[in-house]
Amino acid sequence: MKPWGKGLVIAVVHLCLVASLGAKLLYDRATRPRVWVLTVPFDPELPVRGRYVSLQLVVEPKGMNRPEQGDSRRSTESVVLRPEGERLVAEACPSGRTVDSSCFLLQWVARDGRDLAVLSEPAAFFIPEHVPDPSRRPPGEELWIEVTVPKTGPPRPIRLGVKSGDGPVVPLEID
């Protein structure tokens, strides 16, 4: 086979790999549960990070209590995520599975006088360069993110939305 033929075969293989990943993500988005999750903006202060917003997902802890002040041993907890109705719920990871790919680290943060349970690993939501930072909200508005909850792996961001007071989440038009 000539060199250009080998190059063409490699290009087709790479194209198939990328297309199969895209197809899997689209399949998951169509078949796996979706939920809106409250977010806490998080800025890692990296000089070269691209144009995205880093958001920590606020989850509802089930069967867990917030650790006492100064108890550094329980500052993070291993949890599994599952959708429950229209919420993302975190439950303690079964013992012995702390390194499992289905377990995530949960930490407690204090924001606006509330104790929130957030996932340690922030979600990155990429935004176009002409769009202002959507994580900067006026008082009374909360930033939410719609995510797909796959069988394994972290929740996958789909779109951002804003909630004012007790109203519904209104998706943001980011194009």
N, C-alpha and C. Protein backbone atom coordinates (compact mmCIF):
# COMPACT_ATOMS: atom_id res chain seq x y z
N MET A 1 0.85 -1.17 0.00
CA MET A 1 0.00 0.00 0.00
C MET A 1 0.90 1.23 0.00
N LYS A 2 0.49 2.24 -0.73
CA LYS A 2 1.28 3.47 -0.85
C LYS A 2 1.11 4.31 0.43
N PRO A 3 2.08 5.20 0.71
CA PRO A 3 2.01 6.02 1.92
C PRO A 3 0.73 6.84 2.03
N TRP A 4 0.23 7.41 0.94
CA TRP A 4 -1.00 8.20 1.03
C TRP A 4 -2.20 7.31 1.35
N GLY A 5 -2.17 6.06 0.92
CA GLY A 5 -3.24 5.11 1.24
C GLY A 5 -3.23 4.77 2.72
N LYS A 6 -2.02 4.58 3.29
CA LYS A 6 -1.91 4.31 4.73
C LYS A 6 -2.40 5.51 5.53
N GLY A 7 -2.04 6.70 5.08
CA GLY A 7 -2.49 7.92 5.75
C GLY A 7 -4.00 8.05 5.71
N LEU A 8 -4.58 7.69 4.57
CA LEU A 8 -6.03 7.76 4.43
C LEU A 8 -6.72 6.76 5.37
N VAL A 9 -6.16 5.56 5.50
CA VAL A 9 -6.72 4.56 6.41
C VAL A 9 -6.66 5.06 7.85
N ILE A 10 -5.54 5.65 8.26
CA ILE A 10 -5.40 6.18 9.62
C ILE A 10 -6.40 7.31 9.85
N ALA A 11 -6.57 8.18 8.86
CA ALA A 11 -7.52 9.29 8.98
C ALA A 11 -8.95 8.76 9.15
N VAL A 12 -9.32 7.71 8.40
CA VAL A 12 -10.65 7.14 8.51
C VAL A 12 -10.85 6.50 9.88
N VAL A 13 -9.83 5.81 10.39
CA VAL A 13 -9.91 5.20 11.73
C VAL A 13 -10.11 6.29 12.78
N HIS A 14 -9.35 7.38 12.69
CA HIS A 14 -9.49 8.47 13.66
C HIS A 14 -10.88 9.10 13.57
N LEU A 15 -11.37 9.29 12.38
CA LEU A 15 -12.70 9.86 12.18
C LEU A 15 -13.77 8.95 12.79
N CYS A 16 -13.62 7.65 12.62
CA CYS A 16 -14.57 6.69 13.21
C CYS A 16 -14.53 6.73 14.73
N LEU A 17 -13.33 6.85 15.31
CA LEU A 17 -13.21 6.94 16.77
C LEU A 17 -13.92 8.18 17.32
N VAL A 18 -13.67 9.32 16.69
CA VAL A 18 -14.30 10.56 17.14
C VAL A 18 -15.81 10.49 16.95
N ALA A 19 -16.26 9.97 15.83
CA ALA A 19 -17.69 9.86 15.55
C ALA A 19 -18.37 8.90 16.54
N SER A 20 -17.69 7.81 16.92
CA SER A 20 -18.30 6.88 17.87
C SER A 20 -18.43 7.52 19.25
N LEU A 21 -17.47 8.34 19.66
CA LEU A 21 -17.58 9.04 20.93
C LEU A 21 -18.74 10.03 20.89
N GLY A 22 -18.84 10.78 19.80
CA GLY A 22 -19.96 11.71 19.65
C GLY A 22 -21.30 10.99 19.66
N ALA A 23 -21.37 9.86 19.00
CA ALA A 23 -22.62 9.09 18.96
C ALA A 23 -22.97 8.58 20.36
N LYS A 24 -21.98 8.13 21.13
CA LYS A 24 -22.24 7.66 22.49
C LYS A 24 -22.77 8.80 23.36
N LEU A 25 -22.17 9.97 23.26
CA LEU A 25 -22.63 11.11 24.06
C LEU A 25 -24.05 11.52 23.68
N LEU A 26 -24.36 11.52 22.38
CA LEU A 26 -25.72 11.84 21.94
C LEU A 26 -26.72 10.77 22.40
N TYR A 27 -26.31 9.51 22.35
CA TYR A 27 -27.17 8.43 22.82
C TYR A 27 -27.46 8.58 24.32
N ASP A 28 -26.41 8.86 25.11
CA ASP A 28 -26.59 9.07 26.55
C ASP A 28 -27.52 10.24 26.81
N ARG A 29 -27.35 11.33 26.05
CA ARG A 29 -28.19 12.51 26.25
C ARG A 29 -29.66 12.19 25.95
N ALA A 30 -29.89 11.30 24.99
CA ALA A 30 -31.27 10.95 24.61
C ALA A 30 -31.89 9.92 25.55
N THR A 31 -31.08 9.07 26.16
CA THR A 31 -31.64 7.96 26.95
C THR A 31 -31.43 8.07 28.46
N ARG A 32 -30.42 8.78 28.90
CA ARG A 32 -30.14 8.88 30.34
C ARG A 32 -30.93 10.04 30.95
N PRO A 33 -31.16 10.00 32.26
CA PRO A 33 -31.92 11.07 32.91
C PRO A 33 -31.19 12.41 32.84
N ARG A 34 -32.01 13.47 32.79
CA ARG A 34 -31.50 14.84 32.82
C ARG A 34 -32.10 15.53 34.03
N VAL A 35 -31.30 16.35 34.70
CA VAL A 35 -31.80 17.13 35.83
C VAL A 35 -31.17 18.52 35.81
N TRP A 36 -31.90 19.47 36.36
CA TRP A 36 -31.36 20.81 36.58
C TRP A 36 -30.73 20.81 37.97
N VAL A 37 -29.50 21.35 38.07
CA VAL A 37 -28.75 21.35 39.32
C VAL A 37 -28.29 22.77 39.62
N LEU A 38 -28.51 23.20 40.86
CA LEU A 38 -28.02 24.50 41.31
C LEU A 38 -26.50 24.47 41.27
N THR A 39 -25.89 25.59 40.91
CA THR A 39 -24.43 25.64 40.83
C THR A 39 -23.87 26.72 41.75
N VAL A 40 -22.59 26.55 42.05
CA VAL A 40 -21.82 27.56 42.77
C VAL A 40 -20.64 27.89 41.86
N PRO A 41 -20.56 29.15 41.37
CA PRO A 41 -19.42 29.50 40.51
C PRO A 41 -18.10 29.28 41.24
N PHE A 42 -17.14 28.79 40.51
CA PHE A 42 -15.83 28.45 41.07
C PHE A 42 -14.78 28.89 40.07
N ASP A 43 -13.85 29.71 40.49
CA ASP A 43 -12.81 30.19 39.59
C ASP A 43 -11.46 29.64 40.04
N PRO A 44 -10.90 28.72 39.27
CA PRO A 44 -9.62 28.13 39.68
C PRO A 44 -8.44 29.08 39.50
N GLU A 45 -8.67 30.26 38.91
CA GLU A 45 -7.63 31.26 38.69
C GLU A 45 -6.43 30.71 37.92
N LEU A 46 -6.70 30.00 36.85
CA LEU A 46 -5.64 29.51 35.99
C LEU A 46 -5.40 30.53 34.88
N PRO A 47 -4.14 30.88 34.61
CA PRO A 47 -3.89 31.90 33.59
C PRO A 47 -4.29 31.46 32.17
N VAL A 48 -4.12 30.21 31.85
CA VAL A 48 -4.48 29.71 30.52
C VAL A 48 -5.51 28.62 30.73
N ARG A 49 -6.78 28.99 30.66
CA ARG A 49 -7.81 28.00 30.93
C ARG A 49 -8.87 27.93 29.86
N GLY A 50 -8.79 28.75 28.86
CA GLY A 50 -9.82 28.71 27.82
C GLY A 50 -11.01 29.57 28.21
N ARG A 51 -12.03 29.54 27.41
CA ARG A 51 -13.22 30.36 27.64
C ARG A 51 -14.33 29.46 28.18
N TYR A 52 -14.32 29.24 29.47
CA TYR A 52 -15.37 28.44 30.08
C TYR A 52 -15.65 28.93 31.49
N VAL A 53 -16.75 28.51 32.02
CA VAL A 53 -17.14 28.83 33.38
C VAL A 53 -16.99 27.55 34.20
N SER A 54 -16.29 27.64 35.31
CA SER A 54 -16.16 26.49 36.22
C SER A 54 -17.26 26.57 37.27
N LEU A 55 -18.03 25.51 37.37
CA LEU A 55 -19.17 25.48 38.27
C LEU A 55 -19.14 24.23 39.14
N GLN A 56 -19.36 24.41 40.43
CA GLN A 56 -19.50 23.26 41.32
C GLN A 56 -20.99 22.94 41.43
N LEU A 57 -21.33 21.68 41.29
CA LEU A 57 -22.72 21.25 41.33
C LEU A 57 -23.17 21.04 42.77
N VAL A 58 -24.28 21.66 43.13
CA VAL A 58 -24.86 21.51 44.46
C VAL A 58 -25.79 20.30 44.41
N VAL A 59 -25.54 19.33 45.28
CA VAL A 59 -26.36 18.12 45.31
C VAL A 59 -27.10 18.03 46.64
N GLU A 60 -28.13 17.20 46.66
CA GLU A 60 -28.88 16.99 47.90
C GLU A 60 -28.31 15.76 48.60
N PRO A 61 -27.67 15.95 49.76
CA PRO A 61 -27.11 14.79 50.48
C PRO A 61 -28.22 13.99 51.14
N LYS A 62 -28.17 12.70 50.97
CA LYS A 62 -29.16 11.82 51.58
C LYS A 62 -28.46 10.89 52.56
N GLY A 63 -28.91 10.92 53.81
CA GLY A 63 -28.32 10.04 54.82
C GLY A 63 -26.97 10.51 55.30
N MET A 64 -26.63 11.78 55.09
CA MET A 64 -25.34 12.33 55.53
C MET A 64 -25.61 13.62 56.28
N ASN A 65 -24.79 13.88 57.28
CA ASN A 65 -24.88 15.12 58.02
C ASN A 65 -23.64 15.96 57.76
N ARG A 66 -23.81 17.27 57.84
CA ARG A 66 -22.67 18.15 57.67
C ARG A 66 -21.70 17.91 58.81
N PRO A 67 -20.38 17.83 58.51
CA PRO A 67 -19.41 17.61 59.58
C PRO A 67 -19.34 18.81 60.52
N GLU A 68 -18.92 18.55 61.73
CA GLU A 68 -18.77 19.62 62.73
C GLU A 68 -17.66 20.57 62.29
N GLN A 69 -17.73 21.81 62.75
CA GLN A 69 -16.68 22.79 62.45
C GLN A 69 -15.34 22.27 62.96
N GLY A 70 -14.32 22.36 62.16
CA GLY A 70 -12.98 21.94 62.56
C GLY A 70 -12.71 20.46 62.41
N ASP A 71 -13.66 19.67 61.97
CA ASP A 71 -13.45 18.24 61.78
C ASP A 71 -12.89 18.02 60.38
N SER A 72 -11.57 18.11 60.25
CA SER A 72 -10.93 18.03 58.93
C SER A 72 -10.95 16.61 58.36
N ARG A 73 -11.17 15.61 59.21
CA ARG A 73 -11.20 14.23 58.70
C ARG A 73 -12.39 14.00 57.79
N ARG A 74 -13.49 14.74 57.99
CA ARG A 74 -14.70 14.54 57.20
C ARG A 74 -14.96 15.72 56.28
N SER A 75 -13.89 16.42 55.86
CA SER A 75 -14.12 17.57 55.00
C SER A 75 -14.61 17.13 53.62
N THR A 76 -14.26 15.93 53.21
CA THR A 76 -14.79 15.38 51.96
C THR A 76 -15.36 13.99 52.26
N GLU A 77 -16.31 13.59 51.46
CA GLU A 77 -16.95 12.29 51.64
C GLU A 77 -17.16 11.67 50.27
N SER A 78 -16.98 10.38 50.17
CA SER A 78 -17.16 9.66 48.92
C SER A 78 -18.65 9.33 48.75
N VAL A 79 -19.21 9.72 47.59
CA VAL A 79 -20.65 9.55 47.35
C VAL A 79 -20.91 8.99 45.96
N VAL A 80 -22.10 8.45 45.79
CA VAL A 80 -22.61 8.06 44.47
C VAL A 80 -23.76 9.00 44.14
N LEU A 81 -23.93 9.30 42.86
CA LEU A 81 -24.96 10.22 42.41
C LEU A 81 -26.08 9.47 41.72
N ARG A 82 -27.29 9.95 41.91
CA ARG A 82 -28.42 9.40 41.17
C ARG A 82 -29.50 10.45 41.08
N PRO A 83 -30.22 10.46 39.98
CA PRO A 83 -31.34 11.39 39.87
C PRO A 83 -32.53 10.88 40.67
N GLU A 84 -33.21 11.78 41.33
CA GLU A 84 -34.41 11.42 42.07
C GLU A 84 -35.44 12.50 41.78
N GLY A 85 -36.39 12.17 40.95
CA GLY A 85 -37.34 13.18 40.50
C GLY A 85 -36.61 14.19 39.64
N GLU A 86 -36.64 15.44 40.07
CA GLU A 86 -35.95 16.49 39.33
C GLU A 86 -34.75 17.01 40.11
N ARG A 87 -34.17 16.16 40.96
CA ARG A 87 -33.02 16.55 41.77
C ARG A 87 -31.88 15.57 41.57
N LEU A 88 -30.67 16.02 41.86
CA LEU A 88 -29.49 15.16 41.85
C LEU A 88 -29.15 14.87 43.31
N VAL A 89 -29.23 13.60 43.68
CA VAL A 89 -29.06 13.17 45.06
C VAL A 89 -27.72 12.48 45.22
N ALA A 90 -27.05 12.75 46.35
CA ALA A 90 -25.79 12.11 46.69
C ALA A 90 -25.99 11.24 47.92
N GLU A 91 -25.59 9.98 47.80
CA GLU A 91 -25.64 9.05 48.93
C GLU A 91 -24.24 8.53 49.18
N ALA A 92 -23.97 8.15 50.42
CA ALA A 92 -22.65 7.65 50.77
C ALA A 92 -22.31 6.45 49.90
N CYS A 93 -21.07 6.43 49.45
CA CYS A 93 -20.59 5.32 48.62
C CYS A 93 -20.54 4.06 49.47
N PRO A 94 -21.00 2.93 48.93
CA PRO A 94 -20.92 1.69 49.71
C PRO A 94 -19.48 1.43 50.15
N SER A 95 -19.32 0.91 51.35
CA SER A 95 -17.97 0.69 51.89
C SER A 95 -17.16 -0.21 50.98
N GLY A 96 -15.89 0.13 50.86
CA GLY A 96 -14.99 -0.66 50.03
C GLY A 96 -14.97 -0.22 48.58
N ARG A 97 -15.79 0.76 48.20
CA ARG A 97 -15.82 1.21 46.80
C ARG A 97 -15.39 2.66 46.67
N THR A 98 -14.51 3.14 47.52
CA THR A 98 -14.14 4.55 47.51
C THR A 98 -13.31 4.93 46.28
N VAL A 99 -12.74 3.98 45.59
CA VAL A 99 -11.93 4.29 44.41
C VAL A 99 -12.68 3.91 43.14
N ASP A 100 -13.91 3.57 43.26
CA ASP A 100 -14.75 3.18 42.13
C ASP A 100 -15.02 4.38 41.23
N SER A 101 -15.17 4.15 39.93
CA SER A 101 -15.41 5.25 39.00
C SER A 101 -16.81 5.83 39.17
N SER A 102 -17.69 5.15 39.88
CA SER A 102 -19.03 5.67 40.09
C SER A 102 -19.12 6.51 41.37
N CYS A 103 -18.02 6.63 42.12
CA CYS A 103 -18.00 7.42 43.35
C CYS A 103 -17.33 8.77 43.11
N PHE A 104 -17.87 9.80 43.77
CA PHE A 104 -17.35 11.15 43.64
C PHE A 104 -17.10 11.72 45.03
N LEU A 105 -16.30 12.77 45.10
CA LEU A 105 -16.03 13.41 46.38
C LEU A 105 -16.99 14.56 46.58
N LEU A 106 -17.59 14.60 47.77
CA LEU A 106 -18.53 15.65 48.15
C LEU A 106 -17.86 16.48 49.23
N GLN A 107 -18.02 17.78 49.14
CA GLN A 107 -17.50 18.65 50.20
C GLN A 107 -18.58 19.65 50.59
N TRP A 108 -18.42 20.22 51.76
CA TRP A 108 -19.40 21.18 52.26
C TRP A 108 -18.80 22.57 52.16
N VAL A 109 -19.60 23.52 51.65
CA VAL A 109 -19.17 24.91 51.57
C VAL A 109 -20.28 25.79 52.16
N ALA A 110 -19.88 26.94 52.67
CA ALA A 110 -20.84 27.91 53.19
C ALA A 110 -20.93 29.06 52.19
N ARG A 111 -22.13 29.29 51.67
CA ARG A 111 -22.37 30.38 50.73
C ARG A 111 -23.65 31.09 51.11
N ASP A 112 -23.58 32.41 51.20
CA ASP A 112 -24.76 33.23 51.50
C ASP A 112 -25.49 32.75 52.74
N GLY A 113 -24.74 32.35 53.75
CA GLY A 113 -25.35 31.91 55.01
C GLY A 113 -25.94 30.52 54.98
N ARG A 114 -25.72 29.77 53.89
CA ARG A 114 -26.25 28.40 53.80
C ARG A 114 -25.09 27.42 53.69
N ASP A 115 -25.28 26.23 54.26
CA ASP A 115 -24.31 25.14 54.08
C ASP A 115 -24.76 24.33 52.88
N LEU A 116 -23.89 24.21 51.88
CA LEU A 116 -24.22 23.49 50.66
C LEU A 116 -23.30 22.30 50.47
N ALA A 117 -23.85 21.20 49.98
CA ALA A 117 -23.07 20.02 49.64
C ALA A 117 -22.77 20.12 48.14
N VAL A 118 -21.48 20.21 47.79
CA VAL A 118 -21.09 20.35 46.38
C VAL A 118 -20.12 19.24 46.00
N LEU A 119 -20.10 18.93 44.71
CA LEU A 119 -19.13 17.97 44.22
C LEU A 119 -17.77 18.66 44.16
N SER A 120 -16.72 17.95 44.56
CA SER A 120 -15.38 18.54 44.59
C SER A 120 -14.88 18.88 43.19
N GLU A 121 -15.21 18.05 42.23
CA GLU A 121 -14.75 18.27 40.86
C GLU A 121 -15.70 19.22 40.15
N PRO A 122 -15.24 20.42 39.77
CA PRO A 122 -16.14 21.35 39.09
C PRO A 122 -16.44 20.90 37.67
N ALA A 123 -17.60 21.34 37.17
CA ALA A 123 -17.99 21.08 35.79
C ALA A 123 -17.58 22.30 34.96
N ALA A 124 -17.01 22.05 33.80
CA ALA A 124 -16.61 23.14 32.90
C ALA A 124 -17.67 23.30 31.82
N PHE A 125 -18.19 24.51 31.70
CA PHE A 125 -19.18 24.80 30.67
C PHE A 125 -18.54 25.82 29.73
N PHE A 126 -18.30 25.41 28.50
CA PHE A 126 -17.63 26.27 27.53
C PHE A 126 -18.60 27.30 26.96
N ILE A 127 -18.12 28.53 26.85
CA ILE A 127 -18.95 29.63 26.34
C ILE A 127 -18.23 30.34 25.20
N PRO A 128 -18.99 30.90 24.26
CA PRO A 128 -18.37 31.65 23.16
C PRO A 128 -17.67 32.90 23.70
N GLU A 129 -16.71 33.40 22.93
CA GLU A 129 -15.90 34.52 23.40
C GLU A 129 -16.69 35.82 23.51
N HIS A 130 -17.77 35.99 22.77
CA HIS A 130 -18.54 37.24 22.80
C HIS A 130 -19.60 37.27 23.91
N VAL A 131 -19.79 36.17 24.63
CA VAL A 131 -20.81 36.08 25.68
C VAL A 131 -20.21 36.50 27.01
N PRO A 132 -20.89 37.42 27.74
CA PRO A 132 -20.38 37.77 29.07
C PRO A 132 -20.48 36.58 30.02
N ASP A 133 -19.69 36.61 31.07
CA ASP A 133 -19.64 35.50 32.04
C ASP A 133 -21.03 35.28 32.65
N PRO A 134 -21.68 34.14 32.35
CA PRO A 134 -23.03 33.90 32.89
C PRO A 134 -23.05 33.59 34.38
N SER A 135 -21.89 33.34 34.99
CA SER A 135 -21.88 33.01 36.41
C SER A 135 -22.04 34.25 37.28
N ARG A 136 -21.89 35.43 36.71
CA ARG A 136 -22.07 36.68 37.46
C ARG A 136 -23.54 37.09 37.36
N ARG A 137 -24.29 36.78 38.38
CA ARG A 137 -25.73 37.00 38.40
C ARG A 137 -26.08 38.13 39.36
N PRO A 138 -27.12 38.90 39.05
CA PRO A 138 -27.57 39.92 40.00
C PRO A 138 -28.19 39.26 41.24
N PRO A 139 -28.31 40.02 42.33
CA PRO A 139 -28.92 39.46 43.55
C PRO A 139 -30.32 38.93 43.26
N GLY A 140 -30.64 37.80 43.84
CA GLY A 140 -31.96 37.20 43.67
C GLY A 140 -32.03 36.19 42.55
N GLU A 141 -30.96 36.08 41.74
CA GLU A 141 -30.93 35.09 40.67
C GLU A 141 -29.91 34.00 40.99
N GLU A 142 -30.26 32.77 40.65
CA GLU A 142 -29.34 31.64 40.84
C GLU A 142 -29.03 31.03 39.49
N LEU A 143 -27.78 30.60 39.33
CA LEU A 143 -27.37 29.93 38.10
C LEU A 143 -27.54 28.43 38.26
N TRP A 144 -28.24 27.82 37.31
CA TRP A 144 -28.48 26.38 37.31
C TRP A 144 -27.88 25.81 36.04
N ILE A 145 -27.62 24.51 36.06
CA ILE A 145 -27.08 23.84 34.88
C ILE A 145 -27.87 22.54 34.68
N GLU A 146 -28.24 22.28 33.43
CA GLU A 146 -28.90 21.02 33.12
C GLU A 146 -27.81 20.02 32.76
N VAL A 147 -27.86 18.86 33.39
CA VAL A 147 -26.84 17.83 33.16
C VAL A 147 -27.49 16.50 32.80
N THR A 148 -26.74 15.71 32.05
CA THR A 148 -27.09 14.32 31.81
C THR A 148 -26.39 13.51 32.88
N VAL A 149 -27.08 12.56 33.47
CA VAL A 149 -26.48 11.71 34.51
C VAL A 149 -26.18 10.35 33.89
N PRO A 150 -24.91 10.11 33.47
CA PRO A 150 -24.57 8.83 32.85
C PRO A 150 -24.48 7.71 33.88
N LYS A 151 -24.41 6.47 33.39
CA LYS A 151 -24.27 5.32 34.30
C LYS A 151 -22.97 5.42 35.09
N THR A 152 -21.89 5.79 34.41
CA THR A 152 -20.60 5.98 35.09
C THR A 152 -20.02 7.30 34.62
N GLY A 153 -19.21 7.88 35.45
CA GLY A 153 -18.59 9.15 35.11
C GLY A 153 -19.38 10.33 35.67
N PRO A 154 -18.77 11.51 35.59
CA PRO A 154 -19.42 12.70 36.15
C PRO A 154 -20.60 13.17 35.33
N PRO A 155 -21.48 13.95 35.92
CA PRO A 155 -22.59 14.53 35.16
C PRO A 155 -22.05 15.38 34.00
N ARG A 156 -22.73 15.32 32.87
CA ARG A 156 -22.28 16.04 31.67
C ARG A 156 -23.14 17.27 31.43
N PRO A 157 -22.53 18.47 31.40
CA PRO A 157 -23.30 19.70 31.20
C PRO A 157 -23.97 19.75 29.84
N ILE A 158 -25.20 20.28 29.81
CA ILE A 158 -25.94 20.46 28.56
C ILE A 158 -26.14 21.94 28.29
N ARG A 159 -26.78 22.64 29.26
CA ARG A 159 -27.05 24.07 29.09
C ARG A 159 -27.21 24.73 30.45
N LEU A 160 -27.10 26.06 30.44
CA LEU A 160 -27.24 26.85 31.65
C LEU A 160 -28.63 27.47 31.71
N GLY A 161 -29.08 27.75 32.93
CA GLY A 161 -30.36 28.41 33.13
C GLY A 161 -30.29 29.29 34.36
N VAL A 162 -31.28 30.17 34.49
CA VAL A 162 -31.36 31.09 35.61
C VAL A 162 -32.70 30.91 36.30
N LYS A 163 -32.66 30.95 37.62
CA LYS A 163 -33.89 30.84 38.41
C LYS A 163 -33.99 32.06 39.31
N SER A 164 -35.13 32.72 39.27
CA SER A 164 -35.38 33.88 40.13
C SER A 164 -36.45 33.51 41.16
N GLY A 165 -36.09 33.60 42.41
CA GLY A 165 -37.04 33.29 43.49
C GLY A 165 -37.54 31.87 43.39
N ASP A 166 -38.88 31.72 43.44
CA ASP A 166 -39.50 30.40 43.37
C ASP A 166 -39.94 30.04 41.96
N GLY A 167 -39.57 30.85 40.98
CA GLY A 167 -39.98 30.60 39.60
C GLY A 167 -39.26 29.42 38.99
N PRO A 168 -39.62 29.09 37.76
CA PRO A 168 -38.96 27.97 37.08
C PRO A 168 -37.58 28.36 36.57
N VAL A 169 -36.80 27.37 36.21
CA VAL A 169 -35.49 27.62 35.63
C VAL A 169 -35.72 28.02 34.16
N VAL A 170 -35.15 29.15 33.78
CA VAL A 170 -35.28 29.65 32.41
C VAL A 170 -33.95 29.45 31.71
N PRO A 171 -33.89 28.61 30.68
CA PRO A 171 -32.62 28.38 29.98
C PRO A 171 -32.05 29.66 29.38
N LEU A 172 -30.73 29.82 29.47
CA LEU A 172 -30.04 30.97 28.88
C LEU A 172 -29.79 30.69 27.40
N GLU A 173 -29.94 31.70 26.59
CA GLU A 173 -29.61 31.59 25.15
C GLU A 173 -28.15 31.98 24.99
N ILE A 174 -27.28 30.99 24.90
CA ILE A 174 -25.85 31.23 24.73
C ILE A 174 -25.45 30.69 23.37
N ASP A 175 -25.27 31.58 22.43
CA ASP A 175 -24.86 31.15 21.08
C ASP A 175 -23.75 31.99 20.56
